[in-house]
Amino acid sequence: MSVQACAEIVQKGDEDRFRATMAAPVAAREVLFPIHAFCLEVAKAPWVTKEAMIAEMRLQFWRDILSERAEGKPPRAHEVAAPLHAVLDVASAQALDAAVTARQWDIYRDPHEDVAALHGYLHTSYVIPLHVAARRLGAPEDASKALNRLGFAGALARYFLAIPALEAQGRVPLVDGRPEAVAQMAKEALEQGRWEAQNLSKLSKIARAPMIDAVMHLPVLKQAARNPQAVIEGRLGQGPLRKSLRLALISQSPSWAFF
């Protein structure tokens, strides 16, 4: 069981995250690919079956994997579980449990109860894994607040990109889908994300590596703030050339917040 298997899962399942990870230092990839592969497998679990009970069982499998790591048990012979076991400590395994629980929302068709519930979903499904990866790569504890805000910006951008697909599956992804509400949410997240990206740019290159994906997605929030209707119509996104240029600049520059 190797990190290469995790990298292949990420490449097939999330090209943007794969490219962001490949732009990171090699040592960072050894940590990031197992965590990203775990997140992809967990995110996929509710969608591979229409049977809620089976989906719950698939999520429980990953909760068991994390529990076994926290208890110090040997890793299972699984292409993601084994590499994940190697990069996590007890606290990280315990923290990631919330990222699995968050995906229960994807199993059912109930909307988020309120804005706080939506924020909680984004925090636990995206920001907590970001925290775990950043901490394992040397980010200090006092970076937590900045990571929360930048992570939320990245999570919201990705969520906006997924809204047409969620609605096609009969989900109600937005608590308040009015264009002005969507634009305001995007604007606030963008402002906070940019500010915190600037603060986090002072960290070492390896500690910044888990944050590349979130910084890469900030332009999506800019688009949503300017044209919230594009969120519903699925017209958000960056072209391949723009993505490549932005990724090259972000991965090299300590002033990445300005790109």
C-alpha atoms as a PDB file:
ATOM      1  CA  MET A   1       0.000   0.000   0.000  1.00  0.00           C
ATOM      2  CA  SER A   2       1.622   3.250  -1.106  1.00  0.00           C
ATOM      3  CA  VAL A   3       1.088   6.956  -1.440  1.00  0.00           C
ATOM      4  CA  GLN A   4       1.131   6.415  -5.210  1.00  0.00           C
ATOM      5  CA  ALA A   5      -2.189   4.585  -5.001  1.00  0.00           C
ATOM      6  CA  CYS A   6      -3.655   7.560  -3.142  1.00  0.00           C
ATOM      7  CA  ALA A   7      -2.265   9.949  -5.745  1.00  0.00           C
ATOM      8  CA  GLU A   8      -3.949   7.971  -8.505  1.00  0.00           C
ATOM      9  CA  ILE A   9      -7.284   8.124  -6.661  1.00  0.00           C
ATOM     10  CA  VAL A  10      -6.978  11.892  -6.338  1.00  0.00           C
ATOM     11  CA  GLN A  11      -5.950  12.295  -9.977  1.00  0.00           C
ATOM     12  CA  LYS A  12      -8.997  10.375 -11.159  1.00  0.00           C
ATOM     13  CA  GLY A  13     -11.434  11.934  -8.724  1.00  0.00           C
ATOM     14  CA  ASP A  14     -10.354  15.568  -8.368  1.00  0.00           C
ATOM     15  CA  GLU A  15      -8.019  16.985 -10.996  1.00  0.00           C
ATOM     16  CA  ASP A  16      -7.825  20.413  -9.348  1.00  0.00           C
ATOM     17  CA  ARG A  17      -6.751  18.992  -6.004  1.00  0.00           C
ATOM     18  CA  PHE A  18      -4.294  16.665  -7.723  1.00  0.00           C
ATOM     19  CA  ARG A  19      -2.615  19.537  -9.551  1.00  0.00           C
ATOM     20  CA  ALA A  20      -2.527  21.663  -6.409  1.00  0.00           C
ATOM     21  CA  THR A  21      -0.867  18.801  -4.542  1.00  0.00           C
ATOM     22  CA  MET A  22       1.656  18.167  -7.303  1.00  0.00           C
ATOM     23  CA  ALA A  23       2.630  21.843  -7.043  1.00  0.00           C
ATOM     24  CA  ALA A  24       3.575  21.271  -3.394  1.00  0.00           C
ATOM     25  CA  PRO A  25       6.997  20.102  -2.167  1.00  0.00           C
ATOM     26  CA  VAL A  26       7.520  16.345  -2.459  1.00  0.00           C
ATOM     27  CA  ALA A  27       7.581  15.891   1.315  1.00  0.00           C
ATOM     28  CA  ALA A  28       4.184  17.574   1.572  1.00  0.00           C
ATOM     29  CA  ARG A  29       2.677  15.267  -1.052  1.00  0.00           C
ATOM     30  CA  GLU A  30       3.470  12.268   1.148  1.00  0.00           C
ATOM     31  CA  VAL A  31       1.057  13.692   3.718  1.00  0.00           C
ATOM     32  CA  LEU A  32      -1.467  15.334   1.425  1.00  0.00           C
ATOM     33  CA  PHE A  33      -2.287  12.505  -0.968  1.00  0.00           C
ATOM     34  CA  PRO A  34      -3.457  10.046   1.727  1.00  0.00           C
ATOM     35  CA  ILE A  35      -5.610  12.734   3.371  1.00  0.00           C
ATOM     36  CA  HIS A  36      -7.061  13.856   0.046  1.00  0.00           C
ATOM     37  CA  ALA A  37      -7.759  10.272  -1.018  1.00  0.00           C
ATOM     38  CA  PHE A  38      -9.515   9.682   2.284  1.00  0.00           C
ATOM     39  CA  CYS A  39     -11.661  12.795   1.764  1.00  0.00           C
ATOM     40  CA  LEU A  40     -12.570  11.671  -1.754  1.00  0.00           C
ATOM     41  CA  GLU A  41     -13.541   8.187  -0.626  1.00  0.00           C
ATOM     42  CA  VAL A  42     -15.684   9.615   2.161  1.00  0.00           C
ATOM     43  CA  ALA A  43     -17.301  12.173  -0.162  1.00  0.00           C
ATOM     44  CA  LYS A  44     -18.054   9.457  -2.712  1.00  0.00           C
ATOM     45  CA  ALA A  45     -19.676   7.066  -0.228  1.00  0.00           C
ATOM     46  CA  PRO A  46     -23.169   8.660  -0.171  1.00  0.00           C
ATOM     47  CA  TRP A  47     -23.387   8.797  -3.971  1.00  0.00           C
ATOM     48  CA  VAL A  48     -22.453   5.276  -5.053  1.00  0.00           C
ATOM     49  CA  THR A  49     -25.734   3.796  -3.852  1.00  0.00           C
ATOM     50  CA  LYS A  50     -29.350   4.876  -3.451  1.00  0.00           C
ATOM     51  CA  GLU A  51     -29.689   2.754  -0.313  1.00  0.00           C
ATOM     52  CA  ALA A  52     -29.231   4.967   2.735  1.00  0.00           C
ATOM     53  CA  MET A  53     -28.272   2.051   4.945  1.00  0.00           C
ATOM     54  CA  ILE A  54     -25.469   0.981   2.598  1.00  0.00           C
ATOM     55  CA  ALA A  55     -24.203   4.549   2.370  1.00  0.00           C
ATOM     56  CA  GLU A  56     -24.188   4.779   6.171  1.00  0.00           C
ATOM     57  CA  MET A  57     -22.206   1.533   6.306  1.00  0.00           C
ATOM     58  CA  ARG A  58     -19.645   2.914   3.872  1.00  0.00           C
ATOM     59  CA  LEU A  59     -19.181   5.971   6.055  1.00  0.00           C
ATOM     60  CA  GLN A  60     -18.946   3.802   9.138  1.00  0.00           C
ATOM     61  CA  PHE A  61     -16.081   1.896   7.506  1.00  0.00           C
ATOM     62  CA  TRP A  62     -14.043   5.106   7.485  1.00  0.00           C
ATOM     63  CA  ARG A  63     -15.023   5.987  11.022  1.00  0.00           C
ATOM     64  CA  ASP A  64     -13.760   2.561  12.040  1.00  0.00           C
ATOM     65  CA  ILE A  65     -10.475   3.178  10.207  1.00  0.00           C
ATOM     66  CA  LEU A  66      -9.989   6.423  12.122  1.00  0.00           C
ATOM     67  CA  SER A  67     -11.002   4.860  15.412  1.00  0.00           C
ATOM     68  CA  GLU A  68      -8.503   2.050  14.955  1.00  0.00           C
ATOM     69  CA  ARG A  69      -5.734   4.595  14.276  1.00  0.00           C
ATOM     70  CA  ALA A  70      -6.678   6.574  17.385  1.00  0.00           C
ATOM     71  CA  GLU A  71      -6.585   3.387  19.444  1.00  0.00           C
ATOM     72  CA  GLY A  72      -3.171   2.444  18.130  1.00  0.00           C
ATOM     73  CA  LYS A  73      -4.310  -0.652  16.265  1.00  0.00           C
ATOM     74  CA  PRO A  74      -2.375  -1.799  13.162  1.00  0.00           C
ATOM     75  CA  PRO A  75      -3.624  -0.477   9.807  1.00  0.00           C
ATOM     76  CA  ARG A  76      -5.853  -2.480   7.536  1.00  0.00           C
ATOM     77  CA  ALA A  77      -4.465  -3.730   4.232  1.00  0.00           C
ATOM     78  CA  HIS A  78      -6.345  -1.111   2.222  1.00  0.00           C
ATOM     79  CA  GLU A  79      -4.957   1.187  -0.479  1.00  0.00           C
ATOM     80  CA  VAL A  80      -6.007   4.344   1.382  1.00  0.00           C
ATOM     81  CA  ALA A  81      -6.351   3.184   4.986  1.00  0.00           C
ATOM     82  CA  ALA A  82      -2.738   2.043   5.289  1.00  0.00           C
ATOM     83  CA  PRO A  83      -1.067   5.230   3.940  1.00  0.00           C
ATOM     84  CA  LEU A  84      -3.546   7.344   5.918  1.00  0.00           C
ATOM     85  CA  HIS A  85      -2.635   5.470   9.097  1.00  0.00           C
ATOM     86  CA  ALA A  86       1.015   6.335   8.480  1.00  0.00           C
ATOM     87  CA  VAL A  87       0.500  10.108   8.261  1.00  0.00           C
ATOM     88  CA  LEU A  88      -2.003  10.619  11.069  1.00  0.00           C
ATOM     89  CA  ASP A  89      -1.421  10.878  14.790  1.00  0.00           C
ATOM     90  CA  VAL A  90      -4.096  10.229  17.409  1.00  0.00           C
ATOM     91  CA  ALA A  91      -5.399  13.810  17.463  1.00  0.00           C
ATOM     92  CA  SER A  92      -5.618  13.935  13.663  1.00  0.00           C
ATOM     93  CA  ALA A  93      -7.552  10.683  13.478  1.00  0.00           C
ATOM     94  CA  GLN A  94     -10.000  11.923  16.095  1.00  0.00           C
ATOM     95  CA  ALA A  95     -10.436  15.249  14.310  1.00  0.00           C
ATOM     96  CA  LEU A  96     -11.173  13.646  10.940  1.00  0.00           C
ATOM     97  CA  ASP A  97     -14.096  11.714  12.384  1.00  0.00           C
ATOM     98  CA  ALA A  98     -16.184  14.892  12.050  1.00  0.00           C
ATOM     99  CA  ALA A  99     -15.374  15.026   8.323  1.00  0.00           C
ATOM    100  CA  VAL A 100     -16.959  11.598   7.917  1.00  0.00           C
ATOM    101  CA  THR A 101     -20.031  12.470   9.974  1.00  0.00           C
ATOM    102  CA  ALA A 102     -20.577  15.608   7.875  1.00  0.00           C
ATOM    103  CA  ARG A 103     -21.149  13.478   4.776  1.00  0.00           C
ATOM    104  CA  GLN A 104     -24.313  12.018   6.240  1.00  0.00           C
ATOM    105  CA  TRP A 105     -26.022  15.145   4.894  1.00  0.00           C
ATOM    106  CA  ASP A 106     -25.216  13.941   1.385  1.00  0.00           C
ATOM    107  CA  ILE A 107     -27.117  10.704   1.931  1.00  0.00           C
ATOM    108  CA  TYR A 108     -30.489  12.325   2.467  1.00  0.00           C
ATOM    109  CA  ARG A 109     -32.513  15.049   0.749  1.00  0.00           C
ATOM    110  CA  ASP A 110     -33.176  17.282   3.731  1.00  0.00           C
ATOM    111  CA  PRO A 111     -31.893  20.845   3.298  1.00  0.00           C
ATOM    112  CA  HIS A 112     -29.502  22.395   5.767  1.00  0.00           C
ATOM    113  CA  GLU A 113     -31.495  23.601   8.769  1.00  0.00           C
ATOM    114  CA  ASP A 114     -30.014  27.110   8.680  1.00  0.00           C
ATOM    115  CA  VAL A 115     -26.929  29.062   7.654  1.00  0.00           C
ATOM    116  CA  ALA A 116     -25.043  27.830  10.703  1.00  0.00           C
ATOM    117  CA  ALA A 117     -25.687  24.229   9.649  1.00  0.00           C
ATOM    118  CA  LEU A 118     -24.375  24.949   6.139  1.00  0.00           C
ATOM    119  CA  HIS A 119     -21.276  26.591   7.586  1.00  0.00           C
ATOM    120  CA  GLY A 120     -20.802  23.616   9.887  1.00  0.00           C
ATOM    121  CA  TYR A 121     -21.023  21.209   6.957  1.00  0.00           C
ATOM    122  CA  LEU A 122     -18.395  23.141   5.012  1.00  0.00           C
ATOM    123  CA  HIS A 123     -16.149  23.432   8.042  1.00  0.00           C
ATOM    124  CA  THR A 124     -16.209  19.776   8.971  1.00  0.00           C
ATOM    125  CA  SER A 125     -16.012  18.391   5.427  1.00  0.00           C
ATOM    126  CA  TYR A 126     -13.262  20.691   4.091  1.00  0.00           C
ATOM    127  CA  VAL A 127     -11.703  22.890   6.761  1.00  0.00           C
ATOM    128  CA  ILE A 128     -10.978  20.172   9.321  1.00  0.00           C
ATOM    129  CA  PRO A 129      -8.981  18.047   6.834  1.00  0.00           C
ATOM    130  CA  LEU A 130      -7.152  21.245   5.858  1.00  0.00           C
ATOM    131  CA  HIS A 131      -6.326  21.845   9.527  1.00  0.00           C
ATOM    132  CA  VAL A 132      -5.093  18.291   9.952  1.00  0.00           C
ATOM    133  CA  ALA A 133      -2.842  18.432   6.894  1.00  0.00           C
ATOM    134  CA  ALA A 134      -1.467  21.865   7.794  1.00  0.00           C
ATOM    135  CA  ARG A 135      -0.684  20.820  11.346  1.00  0.00           C
ATOM    136  CA  ARG A 136       1.045  17.646  10.180  1.00  0.00           C
ATOM    137  CA  LEU A 137       3.184  19.803   7.889  1.00  0.00           C
ATOM    138  CA  GLY A 138       4.248  22.268  10.536  1.00  0.00           C
ATOM    139  CA  ALA A 139       1.616  25.019  10.635  1.00  0.00           C
ATOM    140  CA  PRO A 140       1.538  26.548  14.137  1.00  0.00           C
ATOM    141  CA  GLU A 141      -1.480  26.441  16.434  1.00  0.00           C
ATOM    142  CA  ASP A 142      -1.904  30.215  16.207  1.00  0.00           C
ATOM    143  CA  ALA A 143      -2.693  29.814  12.495  1.00  0.00           C
ATOM    144  CA  SER A 144      -6.011  28.152  13.319  1.00  0.00           C
ATOM    145  CA  LYS A 145      -8.200  31.241  12.926  1.00  0.00           C
ATOM    146  CA  ALA A 146      -6.654  32.112   9.572  1.00  0.00           C
ATOM    147  CA  LEU A 147      -7.001  28.512   8.405  1.00  0.00           C
ATOM    148  CA  ASN A 148     -10.677  28.556   9.374  1.00  0.00           C
ATOM    149  CA  ARG A 149     -11.376  31.592   7.236  1.00  0.00           C
ATOM    150  CA  LEU A 150      -9.274  30.653   4.242  1.00  0.00           C
ATOM    151  CA  GLY A 151     -10.580  27.102   4.451  1.00  0.00           C
ATOM    152  CA  PHE A 152     -14.166  28.300   4.530  1.00  0.00           C
ATOM    153  CA  ALA A 153     -13.527  30.398   1.423  1.00  0.00           C
ATOM    154  CA  GLY A 154     -12.143  27.371  -0.402  1.00  0.00           C
ATOM    155  CA  ALA A 155     -14.982  25.165   0.808  1.00  0.00           C
ATOM    156  CA  LEU A 156     -17.659  27.645  -0.257  1.00  0.00           C
ATOM    157  CA  ALA A 157     -16.116  28.060  -3.704  1.00  0.00           C
ATOM    158  CA  ARG A 158     -16.084  24.312  -4.232  1.00  0.00           C
ATOM    159  CA  TYR A 159     -19.643  24.066  -2.911  1.00  0.00           C
ATOM    160  CA  PHE A 160     -20.814  26.739  -5.339  1.00  0.00           C
ATOM    161  CA  LEU A 161     -19.255  24.743  -8.177  1.00  0.00           C
ATOM    162  CA  ALA A 162     -21.196  21.663  -7.068  1.00  0.00           C
ATOM    163  CA  ILE A 163     -24.618  23.326  -6.713  1.00  0.00           C
ATOM    164  CA  PRO A 164     -25.992  22.459 -10.192  1.00  0.00           C
ATOM    165  CA  ALA A 165     -25.123  18.785  -9.657  1.00  0.00           C
ATOM    166  CA  LEU A 166     -26.627  18.809  -6.162  1.00  0.00           C
ATOM    167  CA  GLU A 167     -29.856  20.322  -7.446  1.00  0.00           C
ATOM    168  CA  ALA A 168     -29.977  17.764 -10.268  1.00  0.00           C
ATOM    169  CA  GLN A 169     -29.920  15.088  -7.562  1.00  0.00           C
ATOM    170  CA  GLY A 170     -32.898  16.651  -5.798  1.00  0.00           C
ATOM    171  CA  ARG A 171     -30.891  18.359  -3.049  1.00  0.00           C
ATOM    172  CA  VAL A 172     -31.530  21.853  -1.685  1.00  0.00           C
ATOM    173  CA  PRO A 173     -27.960  23.125  -1.274  1.00  0.00           C
ATOM    174  CA  LEU A 174     -28.601  26.760  -0.316  1.00  0.00           C
ATOM    175  CA  VAL A 175     -30.437  27.964   2.756  1.00  0.00           C
ATOM    176  CA  ASP A 176     -31.077  31.291   1.024  1.00  0.00           C
ATOM    177  CA  GLY A 177     -30.779  31.061  -2.741  1.00  0.00           C
ATOM    178  CA  ARG A 178     -31.662  34.681  -3.518  1.00  0.00           C
ATOM    179  CA  PRO A 179     -29.012  36.223  -5.793  1.00  0.00           C
ATOM    180  CA  GLU A 180     -28.275  39.006  -3.309  1.00  0.00           C
ATOM    181  CA  ALA A 181     -27.785  36.479  -0.489  1.00  0.00           C
ATOM    182  CA  VAL A 182     -25.465  34.333  -2.603  1.00  0.00           C
ATOM    183  CA  ALA A 183     -23.471  37.388  -3.689  1.00  0.00           C
ATOM    184  CA  GLN A 184     -23.106  38.592  -0.096  1.00  0.00           C
ATOM    185  CA  MET A 185     -21.964  35.185   1.120  1.00  0.00           C
ATOM    186  CA  ALA A 186     -19.396  35.004  -1.676  1.00  0.00           C
ATOM    187  CA  LYS A 187     -18.158  38.542  -1.057  1.00  0.00           C
ATOM    188  CA  GLU A 188     -17.654  38.028   2.670  1.00  0.00           C
ATOM    189  CA  ALA A 189     -15.865  34.711   2.187  1.00  0.00           C
ATOM    190  CA  LEU A 190     -13.670  36.191  -0.544  1.00  0.00           C
ATOM    191  CA  GLU A 191     -12.609  39.148   1.589  1.00  0.00           C
ATOM    192  CA  GLN A 192     -11.774  36.973   4.564  1.00  0.00           C
ATOM    193  CA  GLY A 193     -10.058  34.373   2.394  1.00  0.00           C
ATOM    194  CA  ARG A 194      -7.818  36.932   0.726  1.00  0.00           C
ATOM    195  CA  TRP A 195      -6.896  38.542   4.023  1.00  0.00           C
ATOM    196  CA  GLU A 196      -6.019  35.265   5.685  1.00  0.00           C
ATOM    197  CA  ALA A 197      -4.161  34.010   2.619  1.00  0.00           C
ATOM    198  CA  GLN A 198      -1.940  37.047   2.972  1.00  0.00           C
ATOM    199  CA  ASN A 199      -1.321  36.248   6.632  1.00  0.00           C
ATOM    200  CA  LEU A 200      -0.636  32.570   5.922  1.00  0.00           C
ATOM    201  CA  SER A 201       1.766  33.413   3.109  1.00  0.00           C
ATOM    202  CA  LYS A 202       4.352  34.047   5.832  1.00  0.00           C
ATOM    203  CA  LEU A 203       4.492  30.327   6.657  1.00  0.00           C
ATOM    204  CA  SER A 204       7.041  27.996   5.127  1.00  0.00           C
ATOM    205  CA  LYS A 205       6.374  26.600   1.668  1.00  0.00           C
ATOM    206  CA  ILE A 206       5.721  23.125   3.034  1.00  0.00           C
ATOM    207  CA  ALA A 207       3.308  24.400   5.705  1.00  0.00           C
ATOM    208  CA  ARG A 208       1.418  26.382   3.056  1.00  0.00           C
ATOM    209  CA  ALA A 209       1.025  23.365   0.797  1.00  0.00           C
ATOM    210  CA  PRO A 210      -2.394  22.213   2.110  1.00  0.00           C
ATOM    211  CA  MET A 211      -3.772  25.688   1.458  1.00  0.00           C
ATOM    212  CA  ILE A 212      -2.952  25.884  -2.261  1.00  0.00           C
ATOM    213  CA  ASP A 213      -6.321  24.419  -3.252  1.00  0.00           C
ATOM    214  CA  ALA A 214      -8.279  27.013  -1.267  1.00  0.00           C
ATOM    215  CA  VAL A 215      -6.241  29.907  -2.672  1.00  0.00           C
ATOM    216  CA  MET A 216      -6.685  28.515  -6.170  1.00  0.00           C
ATOM    217  CA  HIS A 217     -10.466  28.662  -5.779  1.00  0.00           C
ATOM    218  CA  LEU A 218     -10.747  32.277  -4.590  1.00  0.00           C
ATOM    219  CA  PRO A 219     -11.514  33.544  -8.147  1.00  0.00           C
ATOM    220  CA  VAL A 220     -14.678  31.412  -8.097  1.00  0.00           C
ATOM    221  CA  LEU A 221     -15.950  33.484  -5.183  1.00  0.00           C
ATOM    222  CA  LYS A 222     -15.120  36.663  -7.071  1.00  0.00           C
ATOM    223  CA  GLN A 223     -17.231  35.431  -9.972  1.00  0.00           C
ATOM    224  CA  ALA A 224     -20.104  34.480  -7.653  1.00  0.00           C
ATOM    225  CA  ALA A 225     -20.032  37.865  -5.930  1.00  0.00           C
ATOM    226  CA  ARG A 226     -20.228  39.650  -9.277  1.00  0.00           C
ATOM    227  CA  ASN A 227     -22.764  37.337 -10.909  1.00  0.00           C
ATOM    228  CA  PRO A 228     -24.588  35.123  -8.408  1.00  0.00           C
ATOM    229  CA  GLN A 229     -26.869  33.757 -11.115  1.00  0.00           C
ATOM    230  CA  ALA A 230     -23.818  32.001 -12.540  1.00  0.00           C
ATOM    231  CA  VAL A 231     -23.771  29.811  -9.415  1.00  0.00           C
ATOM    232  CA  ILE A 232     -27.187  28.336 -10.187  1.00  0.00           C
ATOM    233  CA  GLU A 233     -26.539  28.122 -13.907  1.00  0.00           C
ATOM    234  CA  GLY A 234     -23.212  26.345 -13.484  1.00  0.00           C
ATOM    235  CA  ARG A 235     -21.150  29.020 -15.217  1.00  0.00           C
ATOM    236  CA  LEU A 236     -18.438  29.374 -12.580  1.00  0.00           C
ATOM    237  CA  GLY A 237     -14.882  28.256 -13.099  1.00  0.00           C
ATOM    238  CA  GLN A 238     -11.470  29.071 -14.535  1.00  0.00           C
ATOM    239  CA  GLY A 239     -10.067  28.079 -17.902  1.00  0.00           C
ATOM    240  CA  PRO A 240      -7.120  25.651 -18.146  1.00  0.00           C
ATOM    241  CA  LEU A 241      -4.556  28.308 -19.052  1.00  0.00           C
ATOM    242  CA  ARG A 242      -5.626  30.652 -16.276  1.00  0.00           C
ATOM    243  CA  LYS A 243      -5.563  27.784 -13.799  1.00  0.00           C
ATOM    244  CA  SER A 244      -2.066  26.780 -14.847  1.00  0.00           C
ATOM    245  CA  LEU A 245      -0.709  30.313 -14.578  1.00  0.00           C
ATOM    246  CA  ARG A 246      -2.355  30.904 -11.236  1.00  0.00           C
ATOM    247  CA  LEU A 247      -1.103  27.600  -9.862  1.00  0.00           C
ATOM    248  CA  ALA A 248       2.451  28.331 -10.956  1.00  0.00           C
ATOM    249  CA  LEU A 249       2.398  31.735  -9.270  1.00  0.00           C
ATOM    250  CA  ILE A 250       0.730  30.534  -6.080  1.00  0.00           C
ATOM    251  CA  SER A 251       3.014  27.554  -5.595  1.00  0.00           C
ATOM    252  CA  GLN A 252       6.139  29.721  -5.839  1.00  0.00           C
ATOM    253  CA  SER A 253       5.239  33.115  -4.410  1.00  0.00           C
ATOM    254  CA  PRO A 254       4.965  34.008  -0.706  1.00  0.00           C
ATOM    255  CA  SER A 255       2.654  36.826  -1.809  1.00  0.00           C
ATOM    256  CA  TRP A 256       0.078  34.415  -3.206  1.00  0.00           C
ATOM    257  CA  ALA A 257      -2.838  36.391  -1.749  1.00  0.00           C
ATOM    258  CA  PHE A 258      -2.526  38.946  -4.522  1.00  0.00           C
ATOM    259  CA  PHE A 259      -3.000  36.494  -7.397  1.00  0.00           C
END
